[in-house]
Amino acid sequence: MRLDDPWYEASGTVWGEPDGAEAGAPDGGPRSQEQGRSAAEIYLEVQDSPAFREVRRRYRRFVVPAAVAFLLWYLAYVIAATTAHDLMARPVAGALNVAMVAGLGQFLTTFLLTWAYARHARLHRDRAALELRWDTQEMTRGIRR
């Protein structure tokens, strides 16, 4: 029985069974086994595959620019807070000054960046990564690690 939940590992070990022990496939049939290949070889093959490189490329195309932009924004705030006292002390509304607004902006951009990362992962990487995971599990099924 295989559930539709992609994170459900139907081929997991059964209680009292050592990890990686041979058991039948979820449908009761024998497991397919990659003859003559170790799990390490299979993982290296997957790592060299175009699908894996595409998932990594999509990850880097979002994370590197976002991390650089956020780091620059954070450093600009710290540098301004330590060097531009008059600018940071300028009132914006009542007791609220530029430093407080910029500090709250740091929190806001943290939450926005987290939301953007989760959205990007869901739309551009999760499905491909999950397919790689399923394929890798199928290839390593029955191989002792």
N, C-alpha and C. Protein backbone atom coordinates (compact mmCIF):
# COMPACT_ATOMS: atom_id res chain seq x y z
N MET A 1 0.84 -1.17 0.00
CA MET A 1 0.00 0.00 0.00
C MET A 1 0.88 1.23 0.00
N ARG A 2 0.72 2.11 -0.96
CA ARG A 2 1.48 3.34 -1.04
C ARG A 2 0.53 4.51 -0.89
N LEU A 3 0.82 5.36 0.04
CA LEU A 3 -0.02 6.53 0.25
C LEU A 3 0.35 7.61 -0.74
N ASP A 4 -0.55 8.53 -0.99
CA ASP A 4 -0.28 9.62 -1.92
C ASP A 4 0.63 10.68 -1.34
N ASP A 5 0.86 10.64 -0.03
CA ASP A 5 1.74 11.60 0.61
C ASP A 5 3.17 11.33 0.15
N PRO A 6 3.82 12.29 -0.53
CA PRO A 6 5.15 12.02 -1.08
C PRO A 6 6.22 11.85 -0.01
N TRP A 7 5.97 12.26 1.22
CA TRP A 7 6.98 12.13 2.27
C TRP A 7 6.81 10.82 3.03
N TYR A 8 5.77 10.05 2.73
CA TYR A 8 5.56 8.77 3.38
C TYR A 8 6.53 7.77 2.80
N GLU A 9 7.30 7.13 3.63
CA GLU A 9 8.27 6.18 3.15
C GLU A 9 7.71 4.78 3.33
N ALA A 10 7.07 4.28 2.31
CA ALA A 10 6.44 2.96 2.38
C ALA A 10 7.46 1.85 2.52
N SER A 11 8.69 2.10 2.10
CA SER A 11 9.70 1.05 2.16
C SER A 11 10.51 1.11 3.44
N GLY A 12 10.03 1.81 4.46
CA GLY A 12 10.74 1.91 5.73
C GLY A 12 10.82 0.57 6.42
N THR A 13 11.67 0.51 7.42
CA THR A 13 11.84 -0.75 8.12
C THR A 13 10.64 -1.04 8.99
N VAL A 14 10.41 -2.32 9.22
CA VAL A 14 9.33 -2.79 10.06
C VAL A 14 9.89 -2.97 11.46
N TRP A 15 9.09 -2.84 12.47
CA TRP A 15 9.55 -2.98 13.85
C TRP A 15 10.22 -4.33 14.02
N GLY A 16 11.35 -4.34 14.67
CA GLY A 16 12.07 -5.57 14.94
C GLY A 16 12.95 -6.00 13.78
N GLU A 17 12.91 -5.26 12.70
CA GLU A 17 13.70 -5.59 11.52
C GLU A 17 14.89 -4.63 11.47
N PRO A 18 16.11 -5.12 11.29
CA PRO A 18 17.25 -4.21 11.24
C PRO A 18 17.15 -3.29 10.03
N ASP A 19 17.74 -2.11 10.16
CA ASP A 19 17.70 -1.13 9.09
C ASP A 19 18.33 -1.70 7.82
N GLY A 20 17.62 -1.60 6.72
CA GLY A 20 18.12 -2.07 5.44
C GLY A 20 17.87 -3.54 5.20
N ALA A 21 17.13 -4.21 6.08
CA ALA A 21 16.87 -5.64 5.89
C ALA A 21 15.97 -5.85 4.70
N GLU A 22 16.14 -6.99 4.08
CA GLU A 22 15.33 -7.30 2.91
C GLU A 22 13.89 -7.58 3.32
N ALA A 23 12.98 -6.89 2.75
CA ALA A 23 11.55 -7.15 2.93
C ALA A 23 10.93 -7.02 1.56
N GLY A 24 9.75 -7.53 1.42
CA GLY A 24 9.09 -7.46 0.13
C GLY A 24 8.71 -6.03 -0.20
N ALA A 25 8.43 -5.77 -1.44
CA ALA A 25 7.97 -4.46 -1.86
C ALA A 25 6.61 -4.21 -1.25
N PRO A 26 6.17 -2.94 -1.17
CA PRO A 26 4.89 -2.64 -0.55
C PRO A 26 3.72 -3.39 -1.16
N ASP A 27 3.82 -3.76 -2.44
CA ASP A 27 2.71 -4.49 -3.08
C ASP A 27 2.83 -6.00 -2.89
N GLY A 28 3.83 -6.46 -2.13
CA GLY A 28 3.97 -7.88 -1.84
C GLY A 28 4.95 -8.59 -2.76
N GLY A 29 5.36 -7.96 -3.84
CA GLY A 29 6.29 -8.59 -4.77
C GLY A 29 7.73 -8.41 -4.32
N PRO A 30 8.66 -9.05 -4.98
CA PRO A 30 10.07 -8.89 -4.60
C PRO A 30 10.57 -7.51 -4.97
N ARG A 31 11.54 -7.04 -4.23
CA ARG A 31 12.11 -5.74 -4.51
C ARG A 31 13.05 -5.84 -5.70
N SER A 32 13.09 -4.74 -6.46
CA SER A 32 14.08 -4.68 -7.52
C SER A 32 15.41 -4.30 -6.90
N GLN A 33 16.50 -4.89 -7.38
CA GLN A 33 17.80 -4.61 -6.81
C GLN A 33 18.77 -4.28 -7.93
N GLU A 34 19.50 -3.19 -7.75
CA GLU A 34 20.51 -2.79 -8.71
C GLU A 34 21.71 -3.71 -8.50
N GLN A 35 21.95 -4.60 -9.44
CA GLN A 35 23.01 -5.60 -9.31
C GLN A 35 24.38 -4.94 -9.46
N GLY A 36 25.27 -5.27 -8.51
CA GLY A 36 26.65 -4.85 -8.62
C GLY A 36 26.92 -3.38 -8.33
N ARG A 37 25.96 -2.64 -7.83
CA ARG A 37 26.17 -1.22 -7.56
C ARG A 37 25.93 -0.96 -6.08
N SER A 38 26.78 -0.15 -5.51
CA SER A 38 26.60 0.22 -4.11
C SER A 38 25.73 1.48 -4.04
N ALA A 39 25.23 1.75 -2.85
CA ALA A 39 24.42 2.96 -2.66
C ALA A 39 25.25 4.20 -2.95
N ALA A 40 26.53 4.18 -2.58
CA ALA A 40 27.41 5.33 -2.83
C ALA A 40 27.52 5.61 -4.32
N GLU A 41 27.65 4.56 -5.12
CA GLU A 41 27.75 4.74 -6.58
C GLU A 41 26.46 5.32 -7.14
N ILE A 42 25.34 4.85 -6.62
CA ILE A 42 24.05 5.36 -7.10
C ILE A 42 23.90 6.83 -6.74
N TYR A 43 24.25 7.19 -5.50
CA TYR A 43 24.14 8.59 -5.09
C TYR A 43 25.08 9.49 -5.90
N LEU A 44 26.27 9.01 -6.21
CA LEU A 44 27.17 9.80 -7.05
C LEU A 44 26.62 9.96 -8.46
N GLU A 45 25.98 8.91 -8.98
CA GLU A 45 25.35 8.98 -10.30
C GLU A 45 24.22 10.01 -10.30
N VAL A 46 23.42 10.00 -9.25
CA VAL A 46 22.32 10.97 -9.14
C VAL A 46 22.89 12.38 -9.03
N GLN A 47 23.96 12.53 -8.26
CA GLN A 47 24.57 13.84 -8.09
C GLN A 47 25.11 14.39 -9.41
N ASP A 48 25.55 13.52 -10.29
CA ASP A 48 26.06 13.94 -11.60
C ASP A 48 24.97 14.10 -12.64
N SER A 49 23.73 13.80 -12.30
CA SER A 49 22.64 13.84 -13.28
C SER A 49 22.23 15.27 -13.59
N PRO A 50 21.72 15.49 -14.80
CA PRO A 50 21.23 16.83 -15.17
C PRO A 50 20.09 17.30 -14.28
N ALA A 51 19.23 16.40 -13.83
CA ALA A 51 18.10 16.80 -12.97
C ALA A 51 18.60 17.35 -11.64
N PHE A 52 19.60 16.71 -11.05
CA PHE A 52 20.15 17.18 -9.79
C PHE A 52 20.84 18.53 -9.98
N ARG A 53 21.60 18.67 -11.07
CA ARG A 53 22.27 19.95 -11.34
C ARG A 53 21.24 21.07 -11.53
N GLU A 54 20.12 20.74 -12.15
CA GLU A 54 19.07 21.75 -12.35
C GLU A 54 18.47 22.20 -11.02
N VAL A 55 18.22 21.26 -10.13
CA VAL A 55 17.69 21.62 -8.80
C VAL A 55 18.69 22.51 -8.07
N ARG A 56 19.97 22.16 -8.10
CA ARG A 56 21.00 22.97 -7.44
C ARG A 56 21.11 24.35 -8.10
N ARG A 57 21.01 24.41 -9.42
CA ARG A 57 21.10 25.69 -10.12
C ARG A 57 19.95 26.61 -9.72
N ARG A 58 18.75 26.04 -9.67
CA ARG A 58 17.59 26.84 -9.26
C ARG A 58 17.74 27.33 -7.83
N TYR A 59 18.29 26.49 -6.96
CA TYR A 59 18.52 26.88 -5.57
C TYR A 59 19.51 28.05 -5.51
N ARG A 60 20.64 27.90 -6.19
CA ARG A 60 21.67 28.96 -6.15
C ARG A 60 21.19 30.25 -6.79
N ARG A 61 20.38 30.16 -7.86
CA ARG A 61 19.91 31.37 -8.52
C ARG A 61 19.02 32.22 -7.62
N PHE A 62 18.40 31.61 -6.63
CA PHE A 62 17.60 32.39 -5.68
C PHE A 62 18.42 32.77 -4.45
N VAL A 63 19.11 31.80 -3.86
CA VAL A 63 19.74 32.00 -2.56
C VAL A 63 20.91 32.98 -2.63
N VAL A 64 21.77 32.87 -3.61
CA VAL A 64 22.95 33.73 -3.65
C VAL A 64 22.57 35.20 -3.77
N PRO A 65 21.75 35.61 -4.73
CA PRO A 65 21.38 37.03 -4.80
C PRO A 65 20.60 37.50 -3.56
N ALA A 66 19.71 36.65 -3.05
CA ALA A 66 18.93 37.05 -1.88
C ALA A 66 19.82 37.22 -0.66
N ALA A 67 20.78 36.32 -0.47
CA ALA A 67 21.68 36.42 0.67
C ALA A 67 22.57 37.65 0.55
N VAL A 68 23.08 37.91 -0.65
CA VAL A 68 23.93 39.10 -0.86
C VAL A 68 23.12 40.38 -0.61
N ALA A 69 21.92 40.44 -1.16
CA ALA A 69 21.08 41.64 -0.97
C ALA A 69 20.75 41.86 0.50
N PHE A 70 20.39 40.79 1.21
CA PHE A 70 20.05 40.95 2.61
C PHE A 70 21.28 41.33 3.43
N LEU A 71 22.43 40.75 3.14
CA LEU A 71 23.66 41.09 3.85
C LEU A 71 24.03 42.56 3.63
N LEU A 72 23.91 43.02 2.39
CA LEU A 72 24.20 44.43 2.10
C LEU A 72 23.23 45.35 2.83
N TRP A 73 21.96 45.01 2.86
CA TRP A 73 20.95 45.79 3.57
C TRP A 73 21.27 45.83 5.07
N TYR A 74 21.65 44.70 5.62
CA TYR A 74 21.99 44.63 7.05
C TYR A 74 23.25 45.46 7.34
N LEU A 75 24.28 45.31 6.52
CA LEU A 75 25.51 46.09 6.73
C LEU A 75 25.27 47.58 6.57
N ALA A 76 24.42 47.95 5.62
CA ALA A 76 24.10 49.37 5.46
C ALA A 76 23.42 49.92 6.71
N TYR A 77 22.55 49.14 7.30
CA TYR A 77 21.88 49.57 8.54
C TYR A 77 22.89 49.72 9.67
N VAL A 78 23.78 48.75 9.83
CA VAL A 78 24.77 48.81 10.91
C VAL A 78 25.73 49.97 10.70
N ILE A 79 26.20 50.15 9.48
CA ILE A 79 27.13 51.25 9.19
C ILE A 79 26.44 52.59 9.40
N ALA A 80 25.21 52.72 8.94
CA ALA A 80 24.48 53.98 9.13
C ALA A 80 24.23 54.24 10.62
N ALA A 81 23.93 53.19 11.37
CA ALA A 81 23.68 53.37 12.81
C ALA A 81 24.93 53.80 13.56
N THR A 82 26.10 53.38 13.08
CA THR A 82 27.33 53.73 13.79
C THR A 82 27.99 55.00 13.28
N THR A 83 27.71 55.40 12.05
CA THR A 83 28.40 56.56 11.49
C THR A 83 27.49 57.76 11.23
N ALA A 84 26.24 57.56 10.93
CA ALA A 84 25.34 58.65 10.57
C ALA A 84 24.33 58.90 11.69
N HIS A 85 24.84 59.35 12.83
CA HIS A 85 23.97 59.55 14.00
C HIS A 85 22.86 60.55 13.73
N ASP A 86 23.18 61.66 13.04
CA ASP A 86 22.16 62.68 12.79
C ASP A 86 21.05 62.16 11.89
N LEU A 87 21.42 61.39 10.88
CA LEU A 87 20.41 60.81 9.99
C LEU A 87 19.52 59.83 10.73
N MET A 88 20.12 58.95 11.49
CA MET A 88 19.36 57.92 12.20
C MET A 88 18.49 58.50 13.31
N ALA A 89 18.87 59.64 13.85
CA ALA A 89 18.11 60.26 14.94
C ALA A 89 16.99 61.16 14.42
N ARG A 90 16.91 61.37 13.13
CA ARG A 90 15.89 62.25 12.55
C ARG A 90 14.50 61.67 12.81
N PRO A 91 13.61 62.47 13.41
CA PRO A 91 12.26 61.97 13.70
C PRO A 91 11.45 61.74 12.42
N VAL A 92 10.66 60.66 12.43
CA VAL A 92 9.79 60.35 11.31
C VAL A 92 8.35 60.68 11.68
N ALA A 93 7.91 60.18 12.82
CA ALA A 93 6.56 60.46 13.31
C ALA A 93 6.57 60.31 14.83
N GLY A 94 6.40 61.39 15.52
CA GLY A 94 6.38 61.34 16.97
C GLY A 94 7.73 60.90 17.50
N ALA A 95 7.75 59.86 18.33
CA ALA A 95 8.99 59.34 18.91
C ALA A 95 9.69 58.36 17.97
N LEU A 96 9.09 58.08 16.84
CA LEU A 96 9.65 57.14 15.87
C LEU A 96 10.69 57.85 15.01
N ASN A 97 11.93 57.34 15.01
CA ASN A 97 12.97 57.96 14.19
C ASN A 97 13.41 57.02 13.07
N VAL A 98 14.33 57.48 12.24
CA VAL A 98 14.79 56.72 11.08
C VAL A 98 15.41 55.38 11.51
N ALA A 99 16.17 55.38 12.60
CA ALA A 99 16.81 54.15 13.08
C ALA A 99 15.77 53.10 13.45
N MET A 100 14.69 53.52 14.10
CA MET A 100 13.64 52.57 14.47
C MET A 100 12.93 52.01 13.24
N VAL A 101 12.67 52.88 12.29
CA VAL A 101 12.00 52.43 11.06
C VAL A 101 12.91 51.44 10.31
N ALA A 102 14.20 51.76 10.22
CA ALA A 102 15.13 50.87 9.54
C ALA A 102 15.27 49.54 10.30
N GLY A 103 15.30 49.60 11.63
CA GLY A 103 15.38 48.38 12.43
C GLY A 103 14.15 47.50 12.25
N LEU A 104 12.98 48.11 12.24
CA LEU A 104 11.75 47.35 11.98
C LEU A 104 11.74 46.81 10.54
N GLY A 105 12.35 47.58 9.63
CA GLY A 105 12.48 47.13 8.25
C GLY A 105 13.33 45.87 8.15
N GLN A 106 14.32 45.75 9.04
CA GLN A 106 15.14 44.53 9.07
C GLN A 106 14.27 43.31 9.39
N PHE A 107 13.41 43.45 10.38
CA PHE A 107 12.51 42.35 10.73
C PHE A 107 11.56 42.04 9.58
N LEU A 108 11.00 43.08 8.99
CA LEU A 108 10.07 42.90 7.90
C LEU A 108 10.73 42.19 6.72
N THR A 109 11.94 42.61 6.35
CA THR A 109 12.61 41.97 5.22
C THR A 109 12.99 40.52 5.54
N THR A 110 13.25 40.22 6.82
CA THR A 110 13.53 38.82 7.19
C THR A 110 12.31 37.96 6.92
N PHE A 111 11.14 38.42 7.33
CA PHE A 111 9.92 37.65 7.10
C PHE A 111 9.58 37.58 5.60
N LEU A 112 9.77 38.68 4.89
CA LEU A 112 9.50 38.67 3.45
C LEU A 112 10.46 37.72 2.71
N LEU A 113 11.72 37.72 3.11
CA LEU A 113 12.68 36.84 2.47
C LEU A 113 12.36 35.37 2.77
N THR A 114 11.93 35.09 3.99
CA THR A 114 11.53 33.72 4.33
C THR A 114 10.34 33.28 3.50
N TRP A 115 9.36 34.15 3.36
CA TRP A 115 8.18 33.84 2.54
C TRP A 115 8.58 33.63 1.09
N ALA A 116 9.45 34.50 0.56
CA ALA A 116 9.88 34.39 -0.83
C ALA A 116 10.66 33.11 -1.07
N TYR A 117 11.50 32.73 -0.11
CA TYR A 117 12.27 31.49 -0.24
C TYR A 117 11.34 30.28 -0.26
N ALA A 118 10.38 30.24 0.66
CA ALA A 118 9.45 29.11 0.72
C ALA A 118 8.62 29.03 -0.57
N ARG A 119 8.19 30.17 -1.08
CA ARG A 119 7.41 30.19 -2.32
C ARG A 119 8.25 29.73 -3.49
N HIS A 120 9.48 30.22 -3.58
CA HIS A 120 10.37 29.82 -4.67
C HIS A 120 10.64 28.33 -4.62
N ALA A 121 10.90 27.80 -3.43
CA ALA A 121 11.16 26.37 -3.29
C ALA A 121 9.94 25.56 -3.71
N ARG A 122 8.76 25.99 -3.28
CA ARG A 122 7.54 25.25 -3.62
C ARG A 122 7.27 25.27 -5.13
N LEU A 123 7.50 26.41 -5.77
CA LEU A 123 7.17 26.54 -7.18
C LEU A 123 8.25 26.04 -8.13
N HIS A 124 9.51 26.10 -7.72
CA HIS A 124 10.59 25.85 -8.67
C HIS A 124 11.49 24.66 -8.34
N ARG A 125 11.44 24.14 -7.10
CA ARG A 125 12.39 23.09 -6.76
C ARG A 125 11.77 21.85 -6.13
N ASP A 126 10.75 21.98 -5.34
CA ASP A 126 10.26 20.87 -4.54
C ASP A 126 9.84 19.67 -5.38
N ARG A 127 9.13 19.89 -6.45
CA ARG A 127 8.65 18.78 -7.27
C ARG A 127 9.83 18.02 -7.89
N ALA A 128 10.79 18.75 -8.45
CA ALA A 128 11.95 18.09 -9.06
C ALA A 128 12.79 17.36 -8.02
N ALA A 129 12.95 17.98 -6.85
CA ALA A 129 13.72 17.33 -5.79
C ALA A 129 13.01 16.07 -5.29
N LEU A 130 11.71 16.13 -5.20
CA LEU A 130 10.94 14.97 -4.75
C LEU A 130 11.03 13.83 -5.77
N GLU A 131 10.98 14.17 -7.05
CA GLU A 131 11.14 13.14 -8.08
C GLU A 131 12.52 12.49 -8.00
N LEU A 132 13.55 13.30 -7.75
CA LEU A 132 14.89 12.75 -7.57
C LEU A 132 14.94 11.82 -6.36
N ARG A 133 14.28 12.22 -5.30
CA ARG A 133 14.26 11.40 -4.08
C ARG A 133 13.60 10.06 -4.36
N TRP A 134 12.45 10.07 -5.02
CA TRP A 134 11.76 8.82 -5.33
C TRP A 134 12.62 7.94 -6.23
N ASP A 135 13.23 8.53 -7.24
CA ASP A 135 14.08 7.75 -8.15
C ASP A 135 15.26 7.14 -7.41
N THR A 136 15.88 7.92 -6.53
CA THR A 136 17.02 7.42 -5.77
C THR A 136 16.60 6.31 -4.83
N GLN A 137 15.46 6.44 -4.20
CA GLN A 137 14.97 5.38 -3.31
C GLN A 137 14.69 4.11 -4.10
N GLU A 138 14.14 4.25 -5.30
CA GLU A 138 13.88 3.07 -6.13
C GLU A 138 15.19 2.38 -6.51
N MET A 139 16.22 3.17 -6.84
CA MET A 139 17.48 2.58 -7.24
C MET A 139 18.21 1.93 -6.08
N THR A 140 18.06 2.47 -4.88
CA THR A 140 18.80 1.92 -3.72
C THR A 140 17.99 0.91 -2.93
N ARG A 141 16.77 0.67 -3.31
CA ARG A 141 15.94 -0.30 -2.57
C ARG A 141 16.61 -1.67 -2.58
N GLY A 142 16.79 -2.24 -1.41
CA GLY A 142 17.35 -3.57 -1.29
C GLY A 142 18.87 -3.62 -1.20
N ILE A 143 19.52 -2.49 -1.38
CA ILE A 143 20.98 -2.47 -1.28
C ILE A 143 21.37 -2.20 0.16
N ARG A 144 22.25 -3.02 0.69
CA ARG A 144 22.73 -2.79 2.06
C ARG A 144 23.71 -1.65 2.05
N ARG A 145 23.57 -0.77 3.01
CA ARG A 145 24.44 0.42 3.07
C ARG A 145 25.62 0.17 3.95
